[in-house]
Protein backbone atom coordinates (compact mmCIF):
# COMPACT_ATOMS: atom_id res chain seq x y z
CA UNK A 1 -36.39 66.23 -139.77
CA UNK A 2 -36.40 63.14 -142.06
CA UNK A 3 -35.89 63.02 -145.60
CA UNK A 4 -37.53 60.62 -148.22
CA UNK A 5 -35.16 59.11 -151.03
CA UNK A 6 -36.86 57.83 -154.23
CA UNK A 7 -34.90 55.36 -155.73
CA UNK A 8 -35.57 53.18 -158.98
CA UNK A 9 -34.61 49.45 -158.76
CA UNK A 10 -35.38 48.04 -162.26
CA UNK A 11 -38.78 49.52 -163.48
CA UNK A 12 -40.28 49.82 -159.75
CA UNK A 13 -40.14 52.72 -157.68
CA UNK A 14 -39.19 52.43 -153.97
CA UNK A 15 -39.46 54.80 -150.90
CA UNK A 16 -36.79 54.59 -148.27
CA UNK A 17 -37.27 56.92 -145.37
CA UNK A 18 -34.40 57.72 -143.24
CA UNK A 19 -35.32 58.40 -139.38
CA UNK A 20 -39.00 57.93 -139.17
CA UNK A 21 -39.79 54.50 -139.76
CA UNK A 22 -41.84 54.70 -142.71
CA UNK A 23 -42.60 51.21 -144.55
CA UNK A 24 -40.31 50.69 -147.54
CA UNK A 25 -42.55 49.53 -150.51
CA UNK A 26 -40.66 46.20 -151.76
CA UNK A 27 -39.41 46.17 -155.41
CA UNK A 28 -40.37 44.22 -158.31
CA UNK A 29 -38.80 40.74 -157.21
CA UNK A 30 -41.71 40.63 -155.22
CA UNK A 31 -44.56 40.76 -157.60
CA UNK A 32 -45.58 43.86 -156.24
CA UNK A 33 -46.29 46.61 -158.80
CA UNK A 34 -47.46 49.62 -157.45
CA UNK A 35 -47.57 52.99 -159.85
CA UNK A 36 -45.11 55.82 -158.67
CA UNK A 37 -48.37 57.66 -156.94
CA UNK A 38 -49.62 54.62 -155.31
CA UNK A 39 -45.78 54.41 -153.86
CA UNK A 40 -46.57 57.91 -152.48
CA UNK A 41 -49.68 57.21 -150.83
CA UNK A 42 -48.11 54.27 -149.15
CA UNK A 43 -45.30 56.04 -148.06
CA UNK A 44 -47.79 58.79 -146.49
CA UNK A 45 -50.10 55.86 -145.04
CA UNK A 46 -47.01 54.40 -143.19
CA UNK A 47 -46.51 57.86 -141.82
CA UNK A 48 -49.97 57.70 -140.19
CA UNK A 49 -51.36 60.35 -142.44
CA UNK A 50 -55.30 60.66 -143.34
CA UNK A 51 -56.62 60.70 -146.82
CA UNK A 52 -57.52 64.25 -146.26
CA UNK A 53 -54.04 64.92 -145.05
CA UNK A 54 -52.33 62.85 -147.97
CA UNK A 55 -54.65 64.70 -150.69
CA UNK A 56 -53.22 68.25 -149.45
CA UNK A 57 -49.70 66.81 -149.61
CA UNK A 58 -50.06 65.68 -152.95
CA UNK A 59 -52.28 68.15 -154.28
CA UNK A 60 -55.07 65.66 -155.16
CA UNK A 61 -58.55 65.13 -153.31
CA UNK A 62 -59.17 63.00 -150.48
CA UNK A 63 -61.50 60.77 -152.89
CA UNK A 64 -58.65 60.49 -154.98
CA UNK A 65 -56.57 59.03 -152.57
CA UNK A 66 -59.28 56.86 -151.38
CA UNK A 67 -59.58 55.37 -155.09
CA UNK A 68 -55.48 54.84 -155.24
CA UNK A 69 -55.84 52.89 -151.47
CA UNK A 70 -58.78 50.76 -152.88
CA UNK A 71 -56.22 49.85 -156.05
CA UNK A 72 -53.62 49.31 -153.65
CA UNK A 73 -55.53 46.84 -151.33
CA UNK A 74 -56.95 44.93 -154.45
CA UNK A 75 -53.35 44.53 -155.69
CA UNK A 76 -51.51 43.65 -152.40
CA UNK A 77 -54.94 41.38 -151.39
CA UNK A 78 -55.66 43.31 -148.11
CA UNK A 79 -59.04 45.17 -146.80
CA UNK A 80 -57.86 48.12 -145.33
CA UNK A 81 -54.77 50.57 -144.66
CA UNK A 82 -53.51 49.23 -141.39
CA UNK A 83 -53.23 45.34 -143.37
CA UNK A 84 -51.74 47.58 -146.34
CA UNK A 85 -48.65 48.83 -144.11
CA UNK A 86 -48.64 45.32 -142.27
CA UNK A 87 -48.32 43.76 -145.81
CA UNK A 88 -46.02 46.06 -147.10
CA UNK A 89 -43.87 45.66 -143.97
CA UNK A 90 -43.73 41.75 -144.50
CA UNK A 91 -43.05 41.84 -148.06
CA UNK A 92 -40.06 43.95 -147.36
CA UNK A 93 -38.51 41.79 -144.74
CA UNK A 94 -39.11 38.75 -147.06
CA UNK A 95 -37.02 40.62 -149.83
CA UNK A 96 -34.40 41.86 -147.58
CA UNK A 97 -33.95 38.40 -146.09
CA UNK A 98 -33.56 37.13 -149.32
CA UNK A 99 -30.45 39.22 -150.07
């Protein structure tokens, strides 16, 4: 069983997933400012969950999940969840290579 660790880096929240390969959401250094809920949504999207499944997990409707995803897509300049995961992975690899 994997565990999620929610760590705070400055004012930014970051999910770090152990043993599942879910994408880590980059820190504020990358200019990416997602809310805590948006980080939670992207964590579950990275694990392949549907809007319905994410809604059940977080106790919100699938339509609220969809609204969060649309906001995330605008923030990181992508059009769909696959691009969002890819973009976050790319941003994460950039941030780790700069350290």
